């Protein structure tokens, strides 16, 4: 069973402050990780702008993507929630 806790935490962070610095950076990272050939869309140097706790969430997202979880329905549902928050 895949642990989507990092994805859920990031989704809630984005829903709470979609246009804040961390929300925007996480959204860009998630959108990049959601695209099979999207690796160049997110500059990894942006990880420096995260707090250590936020970086741990980012690493969790990367692990999910590396394990194939970005192709799972749970990932797609979280991205849809993020998209809604960003538009709202």
N, C-alpha and C. Protein backbone atom coordinates (compact mmCIF):
# COMPACT_ATOMS: atom_id res chain seq x y z
N UNK A 1 0.84 -1.18 0.00
CA UNK A 1 0.00 0.00 0.00
C UNK A 1 0.89 1.25 0.00
N UNK A 2 0.59 2.17 -0.86
CA UNK A 2 1.38 3.40 -1.00
C UNK A 2 0.98 4.40 0.07
N UNK A 3 1.98 5.04 0.67
CA UNK A 3 1.74 6.08 1.67
C UNK A 3 1.69 7.43 0.97
N UNK A 4 0.52 7.99 0.88
CA UNK A 4 0.32 9.28 0.22
C UNK A 4 0.31 10.44 1.21
N UNK A 5 0.86 10.25 2.42
CA UNK A 5 0.77 11.30 3.44
C UNK A 5 1.47 12.60 3.02
N UNK A 6 2.62 12.51 2.36
CA UNK A 6 3.31 13.73 1.91
C UNK A 6 2.45 14.46 0.89
N UNK A 7 1.82 13.72 0.01
CA UNK A 7 0.95 14.34 -1.00
C UNK A 7 -0.24 15.01 -0.34
N UNK A 8 -0.82 14.37 0.66
CA UNK A 8 -1.97 14.96 1.36
C UNK A 8 -1.56 16.22 2.11
N UNK A 9 -0.41 16.21 2.76
CA UNK A 9 0.08 17.40 3.48
C UNK A 9 0.30 18.56 2.51
N UNK A 10 0.91 18.26 1.38
CA UNK A 10 1.17 19.31 0.38
C UNK A 10 -0.16 19.83 -0.19
N UNK A 11 -1.09 18.94 -0.43
CA UNK A 11 -2.39 19.36 -0.95
C UNK A 11 -3.07 20.31 0.03
N UNK A 12 -3.06 19.97 1.32
CA UNK A 12 -3.66 20.84 2.33
C UNK A 12 -2.93 22.17 2.43
N UNK A 13 -1.60 22.16 2.34
CA UNK A 13 -0.83 23.39 2.37
C UNK A 13 -1.23 24.30 1.22
N UNK A 14 -1.37 23.73 0.04
CA UNK A 14 -1.76 24.51 -1.14
C UNK A 14 -3.18 25.02 -0.98
N UNK A 15 -4.08 24.20 -0.47
CA UNK A 15 -5.47 24.64 -0.28
C UNK A 15 -5.57 25.78 0.73
N UNK A 16 -4.70 25.77 1.75
CA UNK A 16 -4.72 26.81 2.77
C UNK A 16 -4.11 28.12 2.29
N UNK A 17 -3.10 28.05 1.45
CA UNK A 17 -2.41 29.26 0.98
C UNK A 17 -1.92 29.04 -0.45
N UNK A 18 -2.83 28.98 -1.41
CA UNK A 18 -2.43 28.64 -2.78
C UNK A 18 -1.47 29.62 -3.43
N UNK A 19 -1.50 30.86 -3.00
CA UNK A 19 -0.66 31.84 -3.67
C UNK A 19 0.52 32.29 -2.80
N UNK A 20 0.75 31.55 -1.70
CA UNK A 20 1.92 31.80 -0.88
C UNK A 20 3.15 31.20 -1.54
N UNK A 21 4.31 31.58 -1.07
CA UNK A 21 5.55 31.11 -1.68
C UNK A 21 5.67 29.60 -1.72
N UNK A 22 5.46 28.94 -0.58
CA UNK A 22 5.59 27.49 -0.54
C UNK A 22 4.50 26.83 -1.38
N UNK A 23 3.29 27.35 -1.32
CA UNK A 23 2.19 26.79 -2.11
C UNK A 23 2.50 26.81 -3.60
N UNK A 24 3.01 27.92 -4.06
CA UNK A 24 3.34 28.04 -5.49
C UNK A 24 4.48 27.10 -5.87
N UNK A 25 5.49 27.00 -5.01
CA UNK A 25 6.63 26.12 -5.33
C UNK A 25 6.20 24.65 -5.30
N UNK A 26 5.39 24.28 -4.31
CA UNK A 26 4.91 22.89 -4.27
C UNK A 26 4.02 22.59 -5.47
N UNK A 27 3.18 23.51 -5.83
CA UNK A 27 2.29 23.29 -6.99
C UNK A 27 3.13 23.06 -8.25
N UNK A 28 4.15 23.87 -8.45
CA UNK A 28 5.02 23.70 -9.62
C UNK A 28 5.72 22.34 -9.57
N UNK A 29 6.17 21.94 -8.39
CA UNK A 29 6.84 20.65 -8.26
C UNK A 29 5.87 19.51 -8.57
N UNK A 30 4.68 19.56 -8.00
CA UNK A 30 3.69 18.49 -8.23
C UNK A 30 3.32 18.41 -9.71
N UNK A 31 3.11 19.55 -10.35
CA UNK A 31 2.76 19.53 -11.77
C UNK A 31 3.90 18.94 -12.59
N UNK A 32 5.15 19.25 -12.22
CA UNK A 32 6.30 18.68 -12.92
C UNK A 32 6.36 17.17 -12.71
N UNK A 33 6.18 16.73 -11.47
CA UNK A 33 6.24 15.30 -11.17
C UNK A 33 5.08 14.53 -11.79
N UNK A 34 4.01 15.23 -12.13
CA UNK A 34 2.83 14.60 -12.72
C UNK A 34 3.00 14.34 -14.21
N UNK A 35 4.01 14.95 -14.80
CA UNK A 35 4.24 14.84 -16.24
C UNK A 35 5.47 13.97 -16.47
N UNK A 36 5.29 12.86 -17.15
CA UNK A 36 6.38 11.92 -17.36
C UNK A 36 7.64 12.58 -17.91
N UNK A 37 7.50 13.51 -18.81
CA UNK A 37 8.67 14.15 -19.41
C UNK A 37 8.81 15.59 -18.93
N UNK A 38 8.31 15.89 -17.74
CA UNK A 38 8.30 17.26 -17.23
C UNK A 38 9.48 17.61 -16.35
N UNK A 39 10.50 16.78 -16.29
CA UNK A 39 11.62 17.00 -15.39
C UNK A 39 12.30 18.34 -15.51
N UNK A 40 12.31 18.95 -16.66
CA UNK A 40 13.01 20.21 -16.84
C UNK A 40 12.15 21.42 -16.45
N UNK A 41 10.90 21.19 -16.09
CA UNK A 41 10.00 22.30 -15.80
C UNK A 41 10.22 22.88 -14.40
N UNK A 42 10.91 22.19 -13.53
CA UNK A 42 11.12 22.64 -12.16
C UNK A 42 12.61 22.66 -11.87
N UNK A 43 13.13 23.81 -11.53
CA UNK A 43 14.54 23.93 -11.21
C UNK A 43 14.78 23.43 -9.79
N UNK A 44 15.59 22.42 -9.63
CA UNK A 44 15.81 21.84 -8.31
C UNK A 44 16.47 22.82 -7.35
N UNK A 45 17.10 23.86 -7.86
CA UNK A 45 17.68 24.88 -7.00
C UNK A 45 16.58 25.56 -6.16
N UNK A 46 15.34 25.49 -6.61
CA UNK A 46 14.21 26.05 -5.86
C UNK A 46 14.04 25.35 -4.52
N UNK A 47 14.56 24.13 -4.37
CA UNK A 47 14.47 23.42 -3.10
C UNK A 47 15.14 24.20 -1.98
N UNK A 48 16.10 25.05 -2.30
CA UNK A 48 16.77 25.88 -1.30
C UNK A 48 15.80 26.84 -0.62
N UNK A 49 14.74 27.20 -1.32
CA UNK A 49 13.79 28.18 -0.79
C UNK A 49 12.80 27.55 0.20
N UNK A 50 12.74 26.23 0.25
CA UNK A 50 11.89 25.54 1.21
C UNK A 50 12.56 25.51 2.58
N UNK A 51 11.74 25.44 3.62
CA UNK A 51 12.27 25.17 4.95
C UNK A 51 12.71 23.70 4.98
N UNK A 52 13.48 23.29 5.97
CA UNK A 52 13.86 21.87 6.04
C UNK A 52 12.63 20.94 6.07
N UNK A 53 11.58 21.33 6.77
CA UNK A 53 10.37 20.51 6.83
C UNK A 53 9.69 20.43 5.46
N UNK A 54 9.66 21.55 4.75
CA UNK A 54 9.06 21.57 3.41
C UNK A 54 9.88 20.72 2.44
N UNK A 55 11.21 20.75 2.60
CA UNK A 55 12.07 19.92 1.74
C UNK A 55 11.77 18.45 1.95
N UNK A 56 11.51 18.05 3.19
CA UNK A 56 11.17 16.65 3.46
C UNK A 56 9.89 16.26 2.73
N UNK A 57 8.91 17.17 2.69
CA UNK A 57 7.69 16.90 1.93
C UNK A 57 8.00 16.78 0.45
N UNK A 58 8.86 17.68 -0.05
CA UNK A 58 9.24 17.63 -1.47
C UNK A 58 9.91 16.30 -1.80
N UNK A 59 10.80 15.84 -0.92
CA UNK A 59 11.47 14.56 -1.15
C UNK A 59 10.44 13.42 -1.13
N UNK A 60 9.46 13.53 -0.24
CA UNK A 60 8.40 12.53 -0.20
C UNK A 60 7.62 12.48 -1.51
N UNK A 61 7.36 13.65 -2.08
CA UNK A 61 6.67 13.70 -3.38
C UNK A 61 7.53 13.05 -4.46
N UNK A 62 8.83 13.33 -4.43
CA UNK A 62 9.72 12.74 -5.43
C UNK A 62 9.77 11.22 -5.30
N UNK A 63 9.77 10.71 -4.06
CA UNK A 63 9.75 9.27 -3.85
C UNK A 63 8.46 8.66 -4.38
N UNK A 64 7.33 9.34 -4.15
CA UNK A 64 6.07 8.85 -4.69
C UNK A 64 6.13 8.75 -6.21
N UNK A 65 6.63 9.80 -6.86
CA UNK A 65 6.73 9.80 -8.31
C UNK A 65 7.65 8.67 -8.78
N UNK A 66 8.80 8.50 -8.09
CA UNK A 66 9.76 7.48 -8.49
C UNK A 66 9.18 6.07 -8.36
N UNK A 67 8.25 5.89 -7.42
CA UNK A 67 7.64 4.57 -7.23
C UNK A 67 6.45 4.34 -8.15
N UNK A 68 6.13 5.34 -8.98
CA UNK A 68 5.01 5.20 -9.91
C UNK A 68 3.69 5.70 -9.37
N UNK A 69 3.68 6.22 -8.15
CA UNK A 69 2.43 6.67 -7.53
C UNK A 69 1.82 7.88 -8.23
N UNK A 70 2.61 8.61 -9.01
CA UNK A 70 2.05 9.77 -9.71
C UNK A 70 1.09 9.35 -10.82
N UNK A 71 1.02 8.05 -11.08
CA UNK A 71 0.07 7.54 -12.08
C UNK A 71 -1.17 6.93 -11.42
N UNK A 72 -1.24 6.99 -10.10
CA UNK A 72 -2.35 6.41 -9.34
C UNK A 72 -3.51 7.41 -9.24
N UNK A 73 -4.73 6.92 -9.06
CA UNK A 73 -5.90 7.80 -8.94
C UNK A 73 -5.79 8.78 -7.76
N UNK A 74 -5.15 8.36 -6.67
CA UNK A 74 -5.01 9.26 -5.51
C UNK A 74 -4.20 10.50 -5.86
N UNK A 75 -3.17 10.31 -6.66
CA UNK A 75 -2.33 11.44 -7.09
C UNK A 75 -3.18 12.37 -7.96
N UNK A 76 -3.89 11.81 -8.91
CA UNK A 76 -4.72 12.62 -9.80
C UNK A 76 -5.78 13.40 -9.03
N UNK A 77 -6.38 12.78 -8.02
CA UNK A 77 -7.39 13.46 -7.21
C UNK A 77 -6.76 14.62 -6.43
N UNK A 78 -5.56 14.40 -5.90
CA UNK A 78 -4.87 15.47 -5.17
C UNK A 78 -4.52 16.63 -6.10
N UNK A 79 -4.05 16.32 -7.29
CA UNK A 79 -3.73 17.37 -8.26
C UNK A 79 -4.98 18.15 -8.63
N UNK A 80 -6.10 17.48 -8.78
CA UNK A 80 -7.36 18.18 -9.08
C UNK A 80 -7.73 19.13 -7.95
N UNK A 81 -7.54 18.71 -6.70
CA UNK A 81 -7.80 19.60 -5.57
C UNK A 81 -6.87 20.82 -5.60
N UNK A 82 -5.61 20.57 -5.93
CA UNK A 82 -4.64 21.67 -6.02
C UNK A 82 -5.03 22.64 -7.13
N UNK A 83 -5.42 22.09 -8.28
CA UNK A 83 -5.83 22.94 -9.40
C UNK A 83 -7.00 23.84 -8.99
N UNK A 84 -7.97 23.26 -8.28
CA UNK A 84 -9.12 24.03 -7.80
C UNK A 84 -8.69 25.14 -6.85
N UNK A 85 -7.78 24.82 -5.93
CA UNK A 85 -7.29 25.83 -5.00
C UNK A 85 -6.56 26.95 -5.71
N UNK A 86 -5.77 26.60 -6.72
CA UNK A 86 -5.01 27.61 -7.44
C UNK A 86 -5.92 28.54 -8.25
N UNK A 87 -7.02 28.00 -8.74
CA UNK A 87 -7.96 28.83 -9.51
C UNK A 87 -8.82 29.70 -8.62
N UNK A 88 -9.04 29.22 -7.39
CA UNK A 88 -9.96 29.91 -6.47
C UNK A 88 -9.37 31.12 -5.91
